[in-house]
Amino acid sequence: MKKIVVLVIVLLTYNLYAADRPMLKETAFAEVSKQIGTGKAIFLEVGSDSCRSCRVMGKLLYTVRQEHLAYPIYFVNVKKEREAAFKLKIQMIPTQIVLDGKGREVFRHVGILSPDELNALLEKYIQ
């Protein structure tokens, strides 16, 4: 029971902290497509601006992007671009995808990544 209470407090604190941050700006899938397979790995956040979990990830990615402006991190809003969801084989949102420099998918995750998980992922594939 103690663990549940602590977890709830941590999540509420995180959500309160995240509430004042903006989300990562969305990028049109046509623009993202131009970056795929150009020799540099890219990170895709696929979701919607009306999805709670997507907003949490979008705010986290906004913070990361502010610290690392050169990172190729993109947010594709599949609520507005349904064709992108089909092409990327999205079944649930939020989904994070890393594509290597040749355009091959090397990582896929559905749900929210913790800040530590996200940093480890970016260090492994994007830097």
C-alpha atoms as a PDB file:
ATOM      1  CA  MET A   1       0.000   0.000   0.000  1.00  0.00           C
ATOM      2  CA  LYS A   2       2.860   2.356   0.853  1.00  0.00           C
ATOM      3  CA  LYS A   3       4.381   1.808  -2.581  1.00  0.00           C
ATOM      4  CA  ILE A   4       1.119   2.678  -4.304  1.00  0.00           C
ATOM      5  CA  VAL A   5       0.764   5.919  -2.324  1.00  0.00           C
ATOM      6  CA  VAL A   6       4.365   6.892  -3.118  1.00  0.00           C
ATOM      7  CA  LEU A   7       3.848   6.077  -6.801  1.00  0.00           C
ATOM      8  CA  VAL A   8       0.687   8.186  -6.959  1.00  0.00           C
ATOM      9  CA  ILE A   9       2.464  11.115  -5.297  1.00  0.00           C
ATOM     10  CA  VAL A  10       5.390  10.851  -7.709  1.00  0.00           C
ATOM     11  CA  LEU A  11       3.087  10.718 -10.736  1.00  0.00           C
ATOM     12  CA  LEU A  12       1.018  13.663  -9.543  1.00  0.00           C
ATOM     13  CA  THR A  13       4.151  15.697  -8.866  1.00  0.00           C
ATOM     14  CA  TYR A  14       5.520  14.843 -12.304  1.00  0.00           C
ATOM     15  CA  ASN A  15       2.234  15.803 -13.969  1.00  0.00           C
ATOM     16  CA  LEU A  16       2.084  19.091 -12.081  1.00  0.00           C
ATOM     17  CA  TYR A  17       5.651  19.892 -13.065  1.00  0.00           C
ATOM     18  CA  ALA A  18       5.029  18.911 -16.683  1.00  0.00           C
ATOM     19  CA  ALA A  19       1.807  20.917 -16.922  1.00  0.00           C
ATOM     20  CA  ASP A  20       3.586  24.242 -17.394  1.00  0.00           C
ATOM     21  CA  ARG A  21       5.881  23.084 -20.193  1.00  0.00           C
ATOM     22  CA  PRO A  22       4.935  23.256 -23.878  1.00  0.00           C
ATOM     23  CA  MET A  23       4.864  20.192 -26.106  1.00  0.00           C
ATOM     24  CA  LEU A  24       7.322  19.460 -28.867  1.00  0.00           C
ATOM     25  CA  LYS A  25       6.069  21.180 -32.017  1.00  0.00           C
ATOM     26  CA  GLU A  26       4.557  18.823 -34.568  1.00  0.00           C
ATOM     27  CA  THR A  27       6.266  18.245 -37.897  1.00  0.00           C
ATOM     28  CA  ALA A  28       4.423  17.273 -41.059  1.00  0.00           C
ATOM     29  CA  PHE A  29       5.077  13.657 -41.985  1.00  0.00           C
ATOM     30  CA  ALA A  30       6.097  14.778 -45.485  1.00  0.00           C
ATOM     31  CA  GLU A  31       8.950  16.765 -43.904  1.00  0.00           C
ATOM     32  CA  VAL A  32       9.937  13.876 -41.637  1.00  0.00           C
ATOM     33  CA  SER A  33       9.945  11.519 -44.623  1.00  0.00           C
ATOM     34  CA  LYS A  34      12.626  13.669 -46.262  1.00  0.00           C
ATOM     35  CA  GLN A  35      14.913  13.002 -43.275  1.00  0.00           C
ATOM     36  CA  ILE A  36      14.513   9.214 -43.307  1.00  0.00           C
ATOM     37  CA  GLY A  37      17.476   7.351 -44.778  1.00  0.00           C
ATOM     38  CA  THR A  38      19.715  10.389 -45.212  1.00  0.00           C
ATOM     39  CA  GLY A  39      22.600   8.950 -43.197  1.00  0.00           C
ATOM     40  CA  LYS A  40      21.512  10.204 -39.784  1.00  0.00           C
ATOM     41  CA  ALA A  41      19.349   8.394 -37.234  1.00  0.00           C
ATOM     42  CA  ILE A  42      16.074  10.106 -36.296  1.00  0.00           C
ATOM     43  CA  PHE A  43      13.676   9.848 -33.368  1.00  0.00           C
ATOM     44  CA  LEU A  44       9.932   9.916 -34.066  1.00  0.00           C
ATOM     45  CA  GLU A  45       7.282  10.560 -31.465  1.00  0.00           C
ATOM     46  CA  VAL A  46       3.975   9.497 -32.976  1.00  0.00           C
ATOM     47  CA  GLY A  47       0.831  10.554 -31.188  1.00  0.00           C
ATOM     48  CA  SER A  48      -1.805  13.241 -30.865  1.00  0.00           C
ATOM     49  CA  ASP A  49      -2.108  16.569 -29.109  1.00  0.00           C
ATOM     50  CA  SER A  50      -5.375  15.383 -27.534  1.00  0.00           C
ATOM     51  CA  CYS A  51      -3.911  12.230 -25.934  1.00  0.00           C
ATOM     52  CA  ARG A  52      -2.840  12.648 -22.298  1.00  0.00           C
ATOM     53  CA  SER A  53       0.111  10.247 -22.517  1.00  0.00           C
ATOM     54  CA  CYS A  54       1.180  11.849 -25.799  1.00  0.00           C
ATOM     55  CA  ARG A  55       1.184  15.267 -24.148  1.00  0.00           C
ATOM     56  CA  VAL A  56       3.388  13.961 -21.317  1.00  0.00           C
ATOM     57  CA  MET A  57       5.870  12.574 -23.859  1.00  0.00           C
ATOM     58  CA  GLY A  58       5.638  15.737 -25.955  1.00  0.00           C
ATOM     59  CA  LYS A  59       6.536  17.897 -22.963  1.00  0.00           C
ATOM     60  CA  LEU A  60       9.444  15.645 -22.049  1.00  0.00           C
ATOM     61  CA  LEU A  61      10.719  15.733 -25.643  1.00  0.00           C
ATOM     62  CA  TYR A  62      10.336  19.522 -25.749  1.00  0.00           C
ATOM     63  CA  THR A  63      12.663  19.766 -22.751  1.00  0.00           C
ATOM     64  CA  VAL A  64      15.196  17.409 -24.331  1.00  0.00           C
ATOM     65  CA  ARG A  65      15.046  19.314 -27.606  1.00  0.00           C
ATOM     66  CA  GLN A  66      15.729  22.598 -25.809  1.00  0.00           C
ATOM     67  CA  GLU A  67      18.867  21.080 -24.282  1.00  0.00           C
ATOM     68  CA  HIS A  68      19.998  19.368 -27.507  1.00  0.00           C
ATOM     69  CA  LEU A  69      18.906  21.483 -30.478  1.00  0.00           C
ATOM     70  CA  ALA A  70      20.820  19.332 -32.967  1.00  0.00           C
ATOM     71  CA  TYR A  71      18.955  16.130 -32.086  1.00  0.00           C
ATOM     72  CA  PRO A  72      16.647  15.051 -34.935  1.00  0.00           C
ATOM     73  CA  ILE A  73      13.506  14.580 -32.830  1.00  0.00           C
ATOM     74  CA  TYR A  74      10.133  14.870 -34.552  1.00  0.00           C
ATOM     75  CA  PHE A  75       6.513  14.738 -33.401  1.00  0.00           C
ATOM     76  CA  VAL A  76       4.013  13.434 -35.948  1.00  0.00           C
ATOM     77  CA  ASN A  77       0.381  14.127 -35.058  1.00  0.00           C
ATOM     78  CA  VAL A  78      -1.519  11.134 -36.423  1.00  0.00           C
ATOM     79  CA  LYS A  79      -4.839  12.660 -35.451  1.00  0.00           C
ATOM     80  CA  LYS A  80      -4.216  15.145 -38.255  1.00  0.00           C
ATOM     81  CA  GLU A  81      -2.201  12.797 -40.495  1.00  0.00           C
ATOM     82  CA  ARG A  82      -3.899   9.415 -40.571  1.00  0.00           C
ATOM     83  CA  GLU A  83      -1.859   8.266 -43.567  1.00  0.00           C
ATOM     84  CA  ALA A  84       1.301   8.591 -41.440  1.00  0.00           C
ATOM     85  CA  ALA A  85      -0.174   6.188 -38.892  1.00  0.00           C
ATOM     86  CA  PHE A  86      -0.774   3.657 -41.645  1.00  0.00           C
ATOM     87  CA  LYS A  87       2.723   4.034 -43.140  1.00  0.00           C
ATOM     88  CA  LEU A  88       4.406   3.799 -39.739  1.00  0.00           C
ATOM     89  CA  LYS A  89       2.211   0.834 -38.700  1.00  0.00           C
ATOM     90  CA  ILE A  90       0.981   2.592 -35.568  1.00  0.00           C
ATOM     91  CA  GLN A  91      -1.488   0.600 -33.505  1.00  0.00           C
ATOM     92  CA  MET A  92      -1.467   2.624 -30.274  1.00  0.00           C
ATOM     93  CA  ILE A  93      -0.224   6.044 -29.233  1.00  0.00           C
ATOM     94  CA  PRO A  94       2.117   7.374 -28.081  1.00  0.00           C
ATOM     95  CA  THR A  95       4.666   5.349 -30.021  1.00  0.00           C
ATOM     96  CA  GLN A  96       8.346   6.184 -30.179  1.00  0.00           C
ATOM     97  CA  ILE A  97      10.355   4.990 -33.180  1.00  0.00           C
ATOM     98  CA  VAL A  98      14.065   5.294 -33.922  1.00  0.00           C
ATOM     99  CA  LEU A  99      15.168   4.905 -37.529  1.00  0.00           C
ATOM    100  CA  ASP A 100      18.855   4.455 -38.340  1.00  0.00           C
ATOM    101  CA  GLY A 101      20.714   6.397 -41.013  1.00  0.00           C
ATOM    102  CA  LYS A 102      19.521   3.959 -43.691  1.00  0.00           C
ATOM    103  CA  GLY A 103      15.888   4.332 -42.676  1.00  0.00           C
ATOM    104  CA  ARG A 104      15.613   0.980 -40.909  1.00  0.00           C
ATOM    105  CA  GLU A 105      13.617   0.787 -37.705  1.00  0.00           C
ATOM    106  CA  VAL A 106      15.959  -0.054 -34.823  1.00  0.00           C
ATOM    107  CA  PHE A 107      13.668   0.719 -31.883  1.00  0.00           C
ATOM    108  CA  ARG A 108       9.931   0.921 -31.174  1.00  0.00           C
ATOM    109  CA  HIS A 109       8.140   1.562 -27.891  1.00  0.00           C
ATOM    110  CA  VAL A 110       4.485   2.142 -27.075  1.00  0.00           C
ATOM    111  CA  GLY A 111       3.608   4.271 -24.070  1.00  0.00           C
ATOM    112  CA  ILE A 112       5.487   6.775 -21.950  1.00  0.00           C
ATOM    113  CA  LEU A 113       9.250   6.590 -21.552  1.00  0.00           C
ATOM    114  CA  SER A 114      10.779   7.796 -18.312  1.00  0.00           C
ATOM    115  CA  PRO A 115      13.335  10.605 -18.597  1.00  0.00           C
ATOM    116  CA  ASP A 116      16.133   8.112 -17.839  1.00  0.00           C
ATOM    117  CA  GLU A 117      14.893   5.663 -20.479  1.00  0.00           C
ATOM    118  CA  LEU A 118      14.625   8.455 -23.030  1.00  0.00           C
ATOM    119  CA  ASN A 119      18.119   9.762 -22.297  1.00  0.00           C
ATOM    120  CA  ALA A 120      19.613   6.272 -22.577  1.00  0.00           C
ATOM    121  CA  LEU A 121      17.796   5.726 -25.867  1.00  0.00           C
ATOM    122  CA  LEU A 122      18.996   9.017 -27.323  1.00  0.00           C
ATOM    123  CA  GLU A 123      22.560   8.368 -26.188  1.00  0.00           C
ATOM    124  CA  LYS A 124      22.511   4.945 -27.808  1.00  0.00           C
ATOM    125  CA  TYR A 125      20.990   5.857 -31.172  1.00  0.00           C
ATOM    126  CA  ILE A 126      20.921   9.603 -31.791  1.00  0.00           C
ATOM    127  CA  GLN A 127      24.145  11.176 -30.512  1.00  0.00           C
END
